[in-house]
């Protein structure tokens, strides 16, 4: 069977030329995971790898940056952050007509939806979320200069650039006028917290990790790094917390594991991060408001692409329904700070 976007003969030559021992005929199967890039499991009957490449159509280079993902995971191999071992990269797209990366296949458990989560006990669920926070803290503690990532991003003014970026994105993808969107973007324009710099993942939650099959509380690898950069670590934490909102199901078009009420609340997650990292969460409601704004724009973008003829069958209308919900939530946070933020500190173990 021919897989769109895959050329096994070309990939075999590519791996062999880079000194990767391919001991038998290479096979490929497309595997789930990742909402944008195509992901294939490769096997020669002895060893296994994962190849990732951008989608065949609708390329937006900033959202499918294979070199960025490969660079950061290569650098993190020497740290406490679990990642798949990098094997080879084709930056120019000579092999498959688009850039691609090959990494070691990491066997394990991926928890994406409620059915996956149902296989875990409550104790295991708690262990998983504790481990996820520990991994995020470890990522944000990495000295990016020491691992060769000093040029990986522009951390100065990162948060204000994020606000402007997502405001521009809203203007490009909006399918209707929403006064709350204009109000929230304007309210966030002056948000520039004290400078803090770390490697940020950009899309951190349970379904972007591979867990140990027998001990799911052990994170074997963090995946989907194409949005990573140098920036404010609290933007990672805030987006992870806002992803816990049940309305995120509308954006994904499925009952996500990460929105389940079996998981700790967003305030509990933030509290554990603060205590474990010793990091002051500062103007936390502003970080949450920005995360709500991002997620609202993402939801609207799904509807916009549906109107353009892409992804029309996958819950696009429901995603659009979530947009005003997240915009309103962001405004509420700025107008009426929630009590949970008062208890999220590095010293309070309540």
C-alpha atoms as a PDB file:
ATOM      1  CA  UNK A   1       0.000   0.000   0.000  1.00  0.00           C
ATOM      2  CA  UNK A   2       1.304   3.438  -0.970  1.00  0.00           C
ATOM      3  CA  UNK A   3       1.300   5.984   1.836  1.00  0.00           C
ATOM      4  CA  UNK A   4       0.850   9.615   0.745  1.00  0.00           C
ATOM      5  CA  UNK A   5       3.928  11.633   1.613  1.00  0.00           C
ATOM      6  CA  UNK A   6       6.156   8.559   1.997  1.00  0.00           C
ATOM      7  CA  UNK A   7       8.783   7.087  -0.373  1.00  0.00           C
ATOM      8  CA  UNK A   8      10.373   4.035   1.259  1.00  0.00           C
ATOM      9  CA  UNK A   9      13.107   3.613  -1.312  1.00  0.00           C
ATOM     10  CA  UNK A  10      14.201   7.225  -0.901  1.00  0.00           C
ATOM     11  CA  UNK A  11      14.054   7.015   2.878  1.00  0.00           C
ATOM     12  CA  UNK A  12      16.113   3.805   2.874  1.00  0.00           C
ATOM     13  CA  UNK A  13      18.818   5.493   0.790  1.00  0.00           C
ATOM     14  CA  UNK A  14      18.678   8.547   3.029  1.00  0.00           C
ATOM     15  CA  UNK A  15      19.191   6.541   6.222  1.00  0.00           C
ATOM     16  CA  UNK A  16      21.913   4.354   4.730  1.00  0.00           C
ATOM     17  CA  UNK A  17      23.859   7.362   3.453  1.00  0.00           C
ATOM     18  CA  UNK A  18      23.828   8.790   6.984  1.00  0.00           C
ATOM     19  CA  UNK A  19      25.259   5.645   8.484  1.00  0.00           C
ATOM     20  CA  UNK A  20      22.042   4.261   9.941  1.00  0.00           C
ATOM     21  CA  UNK A  21      22.124   0.452   9.668  1.00  0.00           C
ATOM     22  CA  UNK A  22      18.969  -0.678   7.867  1.00  0.00           C
ATOM     23  CA  UNK A  23      19.128  -4.470   8.254  1.00  0.00           C
ATOM     24  CA  UNK A  24      16.047  -5.484   6.301  1.00  0.00           C
ATOM     25  CA  UNK A  25      13.385  -4.174   3.981  1.00  0.00           C
ATOM     26  CA  UNK A  26      12.007  -0.947   5.376  1.00  0.00           C
ATOM     27  CA  UNK A  27       8.281  -0.761   6.091  1.00  0.00           C
ATOM     28  CA  UNK A  28       6.189   2.206   7.160  1.00  0.00           C
ATOM     29  CA  UNK A  29       2.855   2.779   8.823  1.00  0.00           C
ATOM     30  CA  UNK A  30       1.228   6.103   9.487  1.00  0.00           C
ATOM     31  CA  UNK A  31       0.614   6.520  13.192  1.00  0.00           C
ATOM     32  CA  UNK A  32      -1.714   8.863  14.998  1.00  0.00           C
ATOM     33  CA  UNK A  33      -0.493  11.785  16.985  1.00  0.00           C
ATOM     34  CA  UNK A  34       0.268  15.351  16.090  1.00  0.00           C
ATOM     35  CA  UNK A  35      -2.515  17.525  14.654  1.00  0.00           C
ATOM     36  CA  UNK A  36      -0.464  18.827  11.750  1.00  0.00           C
ATOM     37  CA  UNK A  37       2.681  16.947  10.790  1.00  0.00           C
ATOM     38  CA  UNK A  38       2.495  13.488   9.220  1.00  0.00           C
ATOM     39  CA  UNK A  39       4.046  10.851  11.479  1.00  0.00           C
ATOM     40  CA  UNK A  40       5.215   7.431  10.298  1.00  0.00           C
ATOM     41  CA  UNK A  41       6.674   4.476  12.165  1.00  0.00           C
ATOM     42  CA  UNK A  42       9.530   2.909  10.188  1.00  0.00           C
ATOM     43  CA  UNK A  43      10.851  -0.607  10.807  1.00  0.00           C
ATOM     44  CA  UNK A  44      13.434  -2.903   9.259  1.00  0.00           C
ATOM     45  CA  UNK A  45      12.228  -5.853  11.331  1.00  0.00           C
ATOM     46  CA  UNK A  46      14.924  -5.261  13.941  1.00  0.00           C
ATOM     47  CA  UNK A  47      14.967  -1.551  14.710  1.00  0.00           C
ATOM     48  CA  UNK A  48      12.234   1.068  14.607  1.00  0.00           C
ATOM     49  CA  UNK A  49      12.220   4.805  14.032  1.00  0.00           C
ATOM     50  CA  UNK A  50       9.721   7.633  13.649  1.00  0.00           C
ATOM     51  CA  UNK A  51       9.735   9.906  10.608  1.00  0.00           C
ATOM     52  CA  UNK A  52       7.905  13.219  10.713  1.00  0.00           C
ATOM     53  CA  UNK A  53       7.230  15.557   7.830  1.00  0.00           C
ATOM     54  CA  UNK A  54       4.831  18.436   7.139  1.00  0.00           C
ATOM     55  CA  UNK A  55       1.423  17.722   5.612  1.00  0.00           C
ATOM     56  CA  UNK A  56       1.252  17.270   1.857  1.00  0.00           C
ATOM     57  CA  UNK A  57      -0.952  20.336   1.334  1.00  0.00           C
ATOM     58  CA  UNK A  58      -1.517  23.603   3.127  1.00  0.00           C
ATOM     59  CA  UNK A  59       2.069  24.133   4.243  1.00  0.00           C
ATOM     60  CA  UNK A  60       2.631  26.909   6.756  1.00  0.00           C
ATOM     61  CA  UNK A  61       6.348  26.725   7.513  1.00  0.00           C
ATOM     62  CA  UNK A  62       6.163  28.357  10.941  1.00  0.00           C
ATOM     63  CA  UNK A  63       3.734  25.676  12.131  1.00  0.00           C
ATOM     64  CA  UNK A  64       5.648  22.752  10.643  1.00  0.00           C
ATOM     65  CA  UNK A  65       9.230  23.659  11.482  1.00  0.00           C
ATOM     66  CA  UNK A  66      10.983  20.304  11.354  1.00  0.00           C
ATOM     67  CA  UNK A  67      14.445  21.771  11.904  1.00  0.00           C
ATOM     68  CA  UNK A  68      13.282  23.528  15.090  1.00  0.00           C
ATOM     69  CA  UNK A  69      11.919  20.299  16.536  1.00  0.00           C
ATOM     70  CA  UNK A  70      15.107  18.403  15.640  1.00  0.00           C
ATOM     71  CA  UNK A  71      17.386  21.111  17.042  1.00  0.00           C
ATOM     72  CA  UNK A  72      15.725  21.326  20.432  1.00  0.00           C
ATOM     73  CA  UNK A  73      15.399  17.578  20.969  1.00  0.00           C
ATOM     74  CA  UNK A  74      19.030  17.036  19.981  1.00  0.00           C
ATOM     75  CA  UNK A  75      20.091  19.652  22.533  1.00  0.00           C
ATOM     76  CA  UNK A  76      17.879  18.209  25.270  1.00  0.00           C
ATOM     77  CA  UNK A  77      19.358  14.700  25.000  1.00  0.00           C
ATOM     78  CA  UNK A  78      21.973  15.668  27.600  1.00  0.00           C
ATOM     79  CA  UNK A  79      19.391  16.954  30.106  1.00  0.00           C
ATOM     80  CA  UNK A  80      16.787  15.552  32.488  1.00  0.00           C
ATOM     81  CA  UNK A  81      14.036  16.184  29.916  1.00  0.00           C
ATOM     82  CA  UNK A  82      13.026  12.876  28.262  1.00  0.00           C
ATOM     83  CA  UNK A  83      13.060  13.067  24.457  1.00  0.00           C
ATOM     84  CA  UNK A  84      13.424  10.609  21.582  1.00  0.00           C
ATOM     85  CA  UNK A  85      16.963  10.195  20.287  1.00  0.00           C
ATOM     86  CA  UNK A  86      17.550  12.105  17.063  1.00  0.00           C
ATOM     87  CA  UNK A  87      18.804  10.076  14.083  1.00  0.00           C
ATOM     88  CA  UNK A  88      18.792  12.150  10.873  1.00  0.00           C
ATOM     89  CA  UNK A  89      17.323  15.283   9.317  1.00  0.00           C
ATOM     90  CA  UNK A  90      16.688  16.374   5.745  1.00  0.00           C
ATOM     91  CA  UNK A  91      16.435  20.150   6.042  1.00  0.00           C
ATOM     92  CA  UNK A  92      16.057  20.854   2.322  1.00  0.00           C
ATOM     93  CA  UNK A  93      13.335  18.330   1.494  1.00  0.00           C
ATOM     94  CA  UNK A  94      15.458  16.378  -0.991  1.00  0.00           C
ATOM     95  CA  UNK A  95      14.110  12.995   0.174  1.00  0.00           C
ATOM     96  CA  UNK A  96      10.336  13.463   0.333  1.00  0.00           C
ATOM     97  CA  UNK A  97       9.827  16.859  -1.251  1.00  0.00           C
ATOM     98  CA  UNK A  98       9.538  18.497   2.170  1.00  0.00           C
ATOM     99  CA  UNK A  99      11.844  18.601   5.196  1.00  0.00           C
ATOM    100  CA  UNK A 100      11.701  15.523   7.397  1.00  0.00           C
ATOM    101  CA  UNK A 101      13.254  14.202  10.579  1.00  0.00           C
ATOM    102  CA  UNK A 102      13.936  10.681  11.837  1.00  0.00           C
ATOM    103  CA  UNK A 103      14.165   9.870  15.545  1.00  0.00           C
ATOM    104  CA  UNK A 104      14.260   6.702  17.595  1.00  0.00           C
ATOM    105  CA  UNK A 105      10.902   5.005  18.121  1.00  0.00           C
ATOM    106  CA  UNK A 106       9.956   5.221  21.805  1.00  0.00           C
ATOM    107  CA  UNK A 107       7.515   2.468  22.772  1.00  0.00           C
ATOM    108  CA  UNK A 108       4.937   3.368  25.344  1.00  0.00           C
ATOM    109  CA  UNK A 109       1.483   4.668  26.133  1.00  0.00           C
ATOM    110  CA  UNK A 110      -0.101   7.784  24.627  1.00  0.00           C
ATOM    111  CA  UNK A 111      -3.124   9.067  26.542  1.00  0.00           C
ATOM    112  CA  UNK A 112      -5.225  11.175  24.173  1.00  0.00           C
ATOM    113  CA  UNK A 113      -8.882  10.683  25.021  1.00  0.00           C
ATOM    114  CA  UNK A 114     -11.172   9.601  27.851  1.00  0.00           C
ATOM    115  CA  UNK A 115     -11.049   5.967  26.754  1.00  0.00           C
ATOM    116  CA  UNK A 116      -7.255   5.982  27.098  1.00  0.00           C
ATOM    117  CA  UNK A 117      -7.567   7.622  30.502  1.00  0.00           C
ATOM    118  CA  UNK A 118     -10.117   5.035  31.658  1.00  0.00           C
ATOM    119  CA  UNK A 119      -7.383   2.383  31.598  1.00  0.00           C
ATOM    120  CA  UNK A 120      -5.543   4.213  34.414  1.00  0.00           C
ATOM    121  CA  UNK A 121      -6.360   4.109  38.108  1.00  0.00           C
ATOM    122  CA  UNK A 122      -6.902   7.324  40.039  1.00  0.00           C
ATOM    123  CA  UNK A 123      -3.485   6.870  41.666  1.00  0.00           C
ATOM    124  CA  UNK A 124      -1.876   6.465  38.247  1.00  0.00           C
ATOM    125  CA  UNK A 125      -3.661   9.555  36.935  1.00  0.00           C
ATOM    126  CA  UNK A 126      -2.288  11.569  39.841  1.00  0.00           C
ATOM    127  CA  UNK A 127       1.163  10.127  39.263  1.00  0.00           C
ATOM    128  CA  UNK A 128       1.010  11.075  35.592  1.00  0.00           C
ATOM    129  CA  UNK A 129       0.054  14.682  36.284  1.00  0.00           C
ATOM    130  CA  UNK A 130       2.709  15.014  38.992  1.00  0.00           C
ATOM    131  CA  UNK A 131       5.315  13.679  36.569  1.00  0.00           C
ATOM    132  CA  UNK A 132       4.185  16.044  33.819  1.00  0.00           C
ATOM    133  CA  UNK A 133       4.708  18.998  36.133  1.00  0.00           C
ATOM    134  CA  UNK A 134       8.116  17.648  37.134  1.00  0.00           C
ATOM    135  CA  UNK A 135       9.115  17.364  33.465  1.00  0.00           C
ATOM    136  CA  UNK A 136       7.896  20.892  32.725  1.00  0.00           C
ATOM    137  CA  UNK A 137       9.885  22.214  35.680  1.00  0.00           C
ATOM    138  CA  UNK A 138      12.941  20.306  34.431  1.00  0.00           C
ATOM    139  CA  UNK A 139      12.536  21.779  30.946  1.00  0.00           C
ATOM    140  CA  UNK A 140      12.290  25.314  32.278  1.00  0.00           C
ATOM    141  CA  UNK A 141      15.371  24.746  34.445  1.00  0.00           C
ATOM    142  CA  UNK A 142      17.610  23.801  31.493  1.00  0.00           C
ATOM    143  CA  UNK A 143      20.377  26.322  30.829  1.00  0.00           C
ATOM    144  CA  UNK A 144      19.677  26.982  27.158  1.00  0.00           C
ATOM    145  CA  UNK A 145      23.149  28.405  26.606  1.00  0.00           C
ATOM    146  CA  UNK A 146      24.841  25.364  28.093  1.00  0.00           C
ATOM    147  CA  UNK A 147      23.062  23.067  25.612  1.00  0.00           C
ATOM    148  CA  UNK A 148      23.793  25.247  22.598  1.00  0.00           C
ATOM    149  CA  UNK A 149      20.398  26.926  22.221  1.00  0.00           C
ATOM    150  CA  UNK A 150      21.440  30.526  22.840  1.00  0.00           C
ATOM    151  CA  UNK A 151      20.171  31.471  19.354  1.00  0.00           C
ATOM    152  CA  UNK A 152      16.987  29.389  19.495  1.00  0.00           C
ATOM    153  CA  UNK A 153      14.674  32.364  19.981  1.00  0.00           C
ATOM    154  CA  UNK A 154      14.343  36.019  21.010  1.00  0.00           C
ATOM    155  CA  UNK A 155      13.346  35.975  24.673  1.00  0.00           C
ATOM    156  CA  UNK A 156      13.411  39.761  25.098  1.00  0.00           C
ATOM    157  CA  UNK A 157       9.883  41.099  24.802  1.00  0.00           C
ATOM    158  CA  UNK A 158       8.538  37.588  24.209  1.00  0.00           C
ATOM    159  CA  UNK A 159       5.167  38.070  25.926  1.00  0.00           C
ATOM    160  CA  UNK A 160       4.325  41.362  24.238  1.00  0.00           C
ATOM    161  CA  UNK A 161       5.268  39.857  20.873  1.00  0.00           C
ATOM    162  CA  UNK A 162       2.980  36.919  21.631  1.00  0.00           C
ATOM    163  CA  UNK A 163       0.074  39.295  22.249  1.00  0.00           C
ATOM    164  CA  UNK A 164       0.694  41.115  18.963  1.00  0.00           C
ATOM    165  CA  UNK A 165       1.212  37.853  17.068  1.00  0.00           C
ATOM    166  CA  UNK A 166      -2.077  36.333  18.220  1.00  0.00           C
ATOM    167  CA  UNK A 167      -3.928  39.627  17.672  1.00  0.00           C
ATOM    168  CA  UNK A 168      -2.701  39.644  14.063  1.00  0.00           C
ATOM    169  CA  UNK A 169      -3.660  36.003  13.724  1.00  0.00           C
ATOM    170  CA  UNK A 170      -7.155  36.810  14.937  1.00  0.00           C
ATOM    171  CA  UNK A 171      -7.556  39.445  12.229  1.00  0.00           C
ATOM    172  CA  UNK A 172      -6.499  36.884   9.631  1.00  0.00           C
ATOM    173  CA  UNK A 173      -8.781  34.021  10.687  1.00  0.00           C
ATOM    174  CA  UNK A 174     -11.857  35.622  12.265  1.00  0.00           C
ATOM    175  CA  UNK A 175     -15.125  34.472  10.700  1.00  0.00           C
ATOM    176  CA  UNK A 176     -17.232  37.167  12.440  1.00  0.00           C
ATOM    177  CA  UNK A 177     -16.766  40.248  14.573  1.00  0.00           C
ATOM    178  CA  UNK A 178     -16.467  39.560  18.293  1.00  0.00           C
ATOM    179  CA  UNK A 179     -16.242  42.663  20.494  1.00  0.00           C
ATOM    180  CA  UNK A 180     -14.710  40.589  23.301  1.00  0.00           C
ATOM    181  CA  UNK A 181     -11.795  39.698  21.022  1.00  0.00           C
ATOM    182  CA  UNK A 182     -11.023  43.360  20.407  1.00  0.00           C
ATOM    183  CA  UNK A 183     -11.366  44.155  24.116  1.00  0.00           C
ATOM    184  CA  UNK A 184      -9.157  41.270  25.232  1.00  0.00           C
ATOM    185  CA  UNK A 185      -6.422  42.022  22.688  1.00  0.00           C
ATOM    186  CA  UNK A 186      -6.409  45.678  23.779  1.00  0.00           C
ATOM    187  CA  UNK A 187      -6.357  44.775  27.461  1.00  0.00           C
ATOM    188  CA  UNK A 188      -3.337  42.511  26.952  1.00  0.00           C
ATOM    189  CA  UNK A 189      -1.286  44.984  24.906  1.00  0.00           C
ATOM    190  CA  UNK A 190       0.464  46.437  27.948  1.00  0.00           C
ATOM    191  CA  UNK A 191       1.178  43.030  29.491  1.00  0.00           C
ATOM    192  CA  UNK A 192       4.939  42.675  29.746  1.00  0.00           C
ATOM    193  CA  UNK A 193       5.945  40.807  32.924  1.00  0.00           C
ATOM    194  CA  UNK A 194       9.474  40.870  34.332  1.00  0.00           C
ATOM    195  CA  UNK A 195      11.870  39.078  32.007  1.00  0.00           C
ATOM    196  CA  UNK A 196      12.187  35.328  32.517  1.00  0.00           C
ATOM    197  CA  UNK A 197      13.794  33.090  29.931  1.00  0.00           C
ATOM    198  CA  UNK A 198      13.688  29.359  29.385  1.00  0.00           C
ATOM    199  CA  UNK A 199      13.082  26.830  26.658  1.00  0.00           C
ATOM    200  CA  UNK A 200       9.314  26.658  26.190  1.00  0.00           C
ATOM    201  CA  UNK A 201       7.551  23.713  24.577  1.00  0.00           C
ATOM    202  CA  UNK A 202       4.549  25.698  23.366  1.00  0.00           C
ATOM    203  CA  UNK A 203       1.967  22.876  23.459  1.00  0.00           C
ATOM    204  CA  UNK A 204       2.535  20.949  26.669  1.00  0.00           C
ATOM    205  CA  UNK A 205      -0.085  18.465  27.914  1.00  0.00           C
ATOM    206  CA  UNK A 206      -0.412  14.725  28.407  1.00  0.00           C
ATOM    207  CA  UNK A 207      -1.149  13.743  24.790  1.00  0.00           C
ATOM    208  CA  UNK A 208       2.143  15.281  23.680  1.00  0.00           C
ATOM    209  CA  UNK A 209       4.073  12.795  25.777  1.00  0.00           C
ATOM    210  CA  UNK A 210       4.801   9.074  25.652  1.00  0.00           C
ATOM    211  CA  UNK A 211       4.350   7.326  28.997  1.00  0.00           C
ATOM    212  CA  UNK A 212       5.825   4.046  30.151  1.00  0.00           C
ATOM    213  CA  UNK A 213       3.470   1.198  29.280  1.00  0.00           C
ATOM    214  CA  UNK A 214       3.775  -0.527  32.665  1.00  0.00           C
ATOM    215  CA  UNK A 215       4.404   2.532  34.846  1.00  0.00           C
ATOM    216  CA  UNK A 216       2.482   5.381  33.237  1.00  0.00           C
ATOM    217  CA  UNK A 217       3.690   7.828  35.856  1.00  0.00           C
ATOM    218  CA  UNK A 218       7.085   7.656  34.101  1.00  0.00           C
ATOM    219  CA  UNK A 219       7.352   9.985  31.099  1.00  0.00           C
ATOM    220  CA  UNK A 220       9.439   8.262  28.433  1.00  0.00           C
ATOM    221  CA  UNK A 221       9.483  11.163  25.951  1.00  0.00           C
ATOM    222  CA  UNK A 222       8.008  14.587  25.309  1.00  0.00           C
ATOM    223  CA  UNK A 223       7.030  14.988  21.641  1.00  0.00           C
ATOM    224  CA  UNK A 224       5.656  17.631  19.215  1.00  0.00           C
ATOM    225  CA  UNK A 225       8.271  20.352  19.697  1.00  0.00           C
ATOM    226  CA  UNK A 226       7.608  22.363  16.536  1.00  0.00           C
ATOM    227  CA  UNK A 227       6.263  25.336  18.532  1.00  0.00           C
ATOM    228  CA  UNK A 228       9.227  25.431  20.934  1.00  0.00           C
ATOM    229  CA  UNK A 229      11.386  28.524  21.368  1.00  0.00           C
ATOM    230  CA  UNK A 230      13.056  30.652  24.019  1.00  0.00           C
ATOM    231  CA  UNK A 231      10.501  32.610  25.991  1.00  0.00           C
ATOM    232  CA  UNK A 232       8.648  33.052  29.248  1.00  0.00           C
ATOM    233  CA  UNK A 233       8.169  29.684  30.984  1.00  0.00           C
ATOM    234  CA  UNK A 234       4.887  30.756  32.554  1.00  0.00           C
ATOM    235  CA  UNK A 235       3.259  30.909  29.110  1.00  0.00           C
ATOM    236  CA  UNK A 236       3.829  27.137  28.898  1.00  0.00           C
ATOM    237  CA  UNK A 237       2.236  26.583  32.295  1.00  0.00           C
ATOM    238  CA  UNK A 238      -0.713  28.891  31.639  1.00  0.00           C
ATOM    239  CA  UNK A 239      -1.594  27.273  28.317  1.00  0.00           C
ATOM    240  CA  UNK A 240      -1.357  23.824  29.891  1.00  0.00           C
ATOM    241  CA  UNK A 241      -3.796  24.976  32.596  1.00  0.00           C
ATOM    242  CA  UNK A 242      -6.256  26.559  30.145  1.00  0.00           C
ATOM    243  CA  UNK A 243      -6.218  23.367  28.075  1.00  0.00           C
ATOM    244  CA  UNK A 244      -7.941  21.799  31.116  1.00  0.00           C
ATOM    245  CA  UNK A 245     -11.136  23.754  30.283  1.00  0.00           C
ATOM    246  CA  UNK A 246     -13.934  21.359  29.180  1.00  0.00           C
ATOM    247  CA  UNK A 247     -14.603  23.644  26.203  1.00  0.00           C
ATOM    248  CA  UNK A 248     -11.263  22.523  24.787  1.00  0.00           C
ATOM    249  CA  UNK A 249     -13.128  19.370  23.723  1.00  0.00           C
ATOM    250  CA  UNK A 250     -14.959  21.504  21.166  1.00  0.00           C
ATOM    251  CA  UNK A 251     -11.659  22.682  19.741  1.00  0.00           C
ATOM    252  CA  UNK A 252     -10.283  19.152  19.410  1.00  0.00           C
ATOM    253  CA  UNK A 253     -13.565  17.646  18.315  1.00  0.00           C
ATOM    254  CA  UNK A 254     -13.201  14.835  20.848  1.00  0.00           C
ATOM    255  CA  UNK A 255     -13.424  14.044  24.561  1.00  0.00           C
ATOM    256  CA  UNK A 256      -9.820  14.791  25.476  1.00  0.00           C
ATOM    257  CA  UNK A 257      -8.081  13.052  28.345  1.00  0.00           C
ATOM    258  CA  UNK A 258      -6.641  16.387  29.467  1.00  0.00           C
ATOM    259  CA  UNK A 259     -10.085  17.951  30.079  1.00  0.00           C
ATOM    260  CA  UNK A 260     -11.290  15.096  32.306  1.00  0.00           C
ATOM    261  CA  UNK A 261     -12.423  15.968  35.823  1.00  0.00           C
ATOM    262  CA  UNK A 262     -10.283  13.051  37.041  1.00  0.00           C
ATOM    263  CA  UNK A 263      -7.247  15.285  36.672  1.00  0.00           C
ATOM    264  CA  UNK A 264      -6.214  17.966  39.181  1.00  0.00           C
ATOM    265  CA  UNK A 265      -7.725  21.407  38.691  1.00  0.00           C
ATOM    266  CA  UNK A 266      -5.768  24.111  36.866  1.00  0.00           C
ATOM    267  CA  UNK A 267      -5.053  25.836  40.188  1.00  0.00           C
ATOM    268  CA  UNK A 268      -3.693  22.604  41.631  1.00  0.00           C
ATOM    269  CA  UNK A 269      -1.418  22.130  38.624  1.00  0.00           C
ATOM    270  CA  UNK A 270      -0.148  25.694  38.884  1.00  0.00           C
ATOM    271  CA  UNK A 271       0.365  25.328  42.628  1.00  0.00           C
ATOM    272  CA  UNK A 272       2.443  22.171  42.199  1.00  0.00           C
ATOM    273  CA  UNK A 273       4.544  23.842  39.520  1.00  0.00           C
ATOM    274  CA  UNK A 274       5.158  26.875  41.746  1.00  0.00           C
ATOM    275  CA  UNK A 275       6.175  24.760  44.731  1.00  0.00           C
ATOM    276  CA  UNK A 276       8.346  22.363  42.716  1.00  0.00           C
ATOM    277  CA  UNK A 277      10.105  25.075  40.701  1.00  0.00           C
ATOM    278  CA  UNK A 278      10.289  27.726  43.407  1.00  0.00           C
ATOM    279  CA  UNK A 279       9.150  30.151  40.720  1.00  0.00           C
ATOM    280  CA  UNK A 280       6.927  33.138  41.525  1.00  0.00           C
ATOM    281  CA  UNK A 281       3.941  33.050  39.188  1.00  0.00           C
ATOM    282  CA  UNK A 282       3.619  36.834  39.243  1.00  0.00           C
ATOM    283  CA  UNK A 283       0.599  38.293  37.390  1.00  0.00           C
ATOM    284  CA  UNK A 284      -0.880  34.826  36.929  1.00  0.00           C
ATOM    285  CA  UNK A 285      -4.308  35.977  35.766  1.00  0.00           C
ATOM    286  CA  UNK A 286      -2.685  37.888  32.910  1.00  0.00           C
ATOM    287  CA  UNK A 287      -0.841  34.754  31.800  1.00  0.00           C
ATOM    288  CA  UNK A 288      -4.119  32.823  31.915  1.00  0.00           C
ATOM    289  CA  UNK A 289      -5.894  35.571  29.972  1.00  0.00           C
ATOM    290  CA  UNK A 290      -3.246  35.415  27.245  1.00  0.00           C
ATOM    291  CA  UNK A 291      -3.584  31.625  27.106  1.00  0.00           C
ATOM    292  CA  UNK A 292      -7.366  31.961  26.735  1.00  0.00           C
ATOM    293  CA  UNK A 293      -6.819  34.445  23.911  1.00  0.00           C
ATOM    294  CA  UNK A 294      -4.473  32.022  22.122  1.00  0.00           C
ATOM    295  CA  UNK A 295      -6.910  29.151  22.448  1.00  0.00           C
ATOM    296  CA  UNK A 296      -9.807  31.282  21.218  1.00  0.00           C
ATOM    297  CA  UNK A 297      -7.812  32.215  18.106  1.00  0.00           C
ATOM    298  CA  UNK A 298      -6.870  28.564  17.544  1.00  0.00           C
ATOM    299  CA  UNK A 299     -10.539  27.591  17.730  1.00  0.00           C
ATOM    300  CA  UNK A 300     -11.494  30.326  15.276  1.00  0.00           C
ATOM    301  CA  UNK A 301      -8.726  29.233  12.946  1.00  0.00           C
ATOM    302  CA  UNK A 302     -10.257  25.761  12.733  1.00  0.00           C
ATOM    303  CA  UNK A 303     -13.562  27.297  11.660  1.00  0.00           C
ATOM    304  CA  UNK A 304     -11.793  29.571   9.186  1.00  0.00           C
ATOM    305  CA  UNK A 305     -10.023  26.647   7.536  1.00  0.00           C
ATOM    306  CA  UNK A 306     -13.337  24.803   7.349  1.00  0.00           C
ATOM    307  CA  UNK A 307     -14.837  27.731   5.455  1.00  0.00           C
ATOM    308  CA  UNK A 308     -11.838  27.512   3.116  1.00  0.00           C
ATOM    309  CA  UNK A 309     -12.626  23.850   2.466  1.00  0.00           C
ATOM    310  CA  UNK A 310     -10.164  22.184   4.848  1.00  0.00           C
ATOM    311  CA  UNK A 311     -11.087  19.921   7.795  1.00  0.00           C
ATOM    312  CA  UNK A 312     -14.754  20.525   7.069  1.00  0.00           C
ATOM    313  CA  UNK A 313     -15.888  17.275   8.649  1.00  0.00           C
ATOM    314  CA  UNK A 314     -14.116  17.515  11.990  1.00  0.00           C
ATOM    315  CA  UNK A 315     -16.213  19.516  14.443  1.00  0.00           C
ATOM    316  CA  UNK A 316     -15.393  22.873  12.869  1.00  0.00           C
ATOM    317  CA  UNK A 317     -18.696  24.450  13.934  1.00  0.00           C
ATOM    318  CA  UNK A 318     -18.217  23.299  17.510  1.00  0.00           C
ATOM    319  CA  UNK A 319     -14.694  24.741  17.497  1.00  0.00           C
ATOM    320  CA  UNK A 320     -16.080  28.117  16.431  1.00  0.00           C
ATOM    321  CA  UNK A 321     -18.601  27.936  19.284  1.00  0.00           C
ATOM    322  CA  UNK A 322     -15.682  27.730  21.725  1.00  0.00           C
ATOM    323  CA  UNK A 323     -14.088  30.972  20.492  1.00  0.00           C
ATOM    324  CA  UNK A 324     -16.341  33.442  22.372  1.00  0.00           C
ATOM    325  CA  UNK A 325     -16.182  31.254  25.477  1.00  0.00           C
ATOM    326  CA  UNK A 326     -12.404  31.581  25.728  1.00  0.00           C
ATOM    327  CA  UNK A 327     -12.450  35.281  24.817  1.00  0.00           C
ATOM    328  CA  UNK A 328     -14.954  35.952  27.600  1.00  0.00           C
ATOM    329  CA  UNK A 329     -12.940  33.872  30.064  1.00  0.00           C
ATOM    330  CA  UNK A 330      -9.840  35.925  29.316  1.00  0.00           C
ATOM    331  CA  UNK A 331     -11.688  39.172  29.956  1.00  0.00           C
ATOM    332  CA  UNK A 332     -13.160  37.883  33.213  1.00  0.00           C
ATOM    333  CA  UNK A 333      -9.694  37.019  34.474  1.00  0.00           C
ATOM    334  CA  UNK A 334      -8.495  40.581  33.908  1.00  0.00           C
ATOM    335  CA  UNK A 335     -11.608  42.259  35.286  1.00  0.00           C
ATOM    336  CA  UNK A 336     -12.245  39.929  38.219  1.00  0.00           C
ATOM    337  CA  UNK A 337      -9.069  38.042  39.238  1.00  0.00           C
ATOM    338  CA  UNK A 338     -10.032  34.579  40.436  1.00  0.00           C
ATOM    339  CA  UNK A 339      -9.323  33.577  44.027  1.00  0.00           C
ATOM    340  CA  UNK A 340      -7.160  30.659  42.946  1.00  0.00           C
ATOM    341  CA  UNK A 341      -4.427  33.042  41.856  1.00  0.00           C
ATOM    342  CA  UNK A 342      -4.102  34.296  45.429  1.00  0.00           C
ATOM    343  CA  UNK A 343      -2.941  30.869  46.590  1.00  0.00           C
ATOM    344  CA  UNK A 344      -0.581  30.074  43.715  1.00  0.00           C
ATOM    345  CA  UNK A 345       2.802  30.927  45.186  1.00  0.00           C
ATOM    346  CA  UNK A 346       6.097  29.182  45.530  1.00  0.00           C
ATOM    347  CA  UNK A 347       5.833  29.017  49.328  1.00  0.00           C
ATOM    348  CA  UNK A 348       2.201  28.202  50.016  1.00  0.00           C
ATOM    349  CA  UNK A 349       1.517  24.441  50.117  1.00  0.00           C
ATOM    350  CA  UNK A 350      -2.231  24.712  50.651  1.00  0.00           C
END
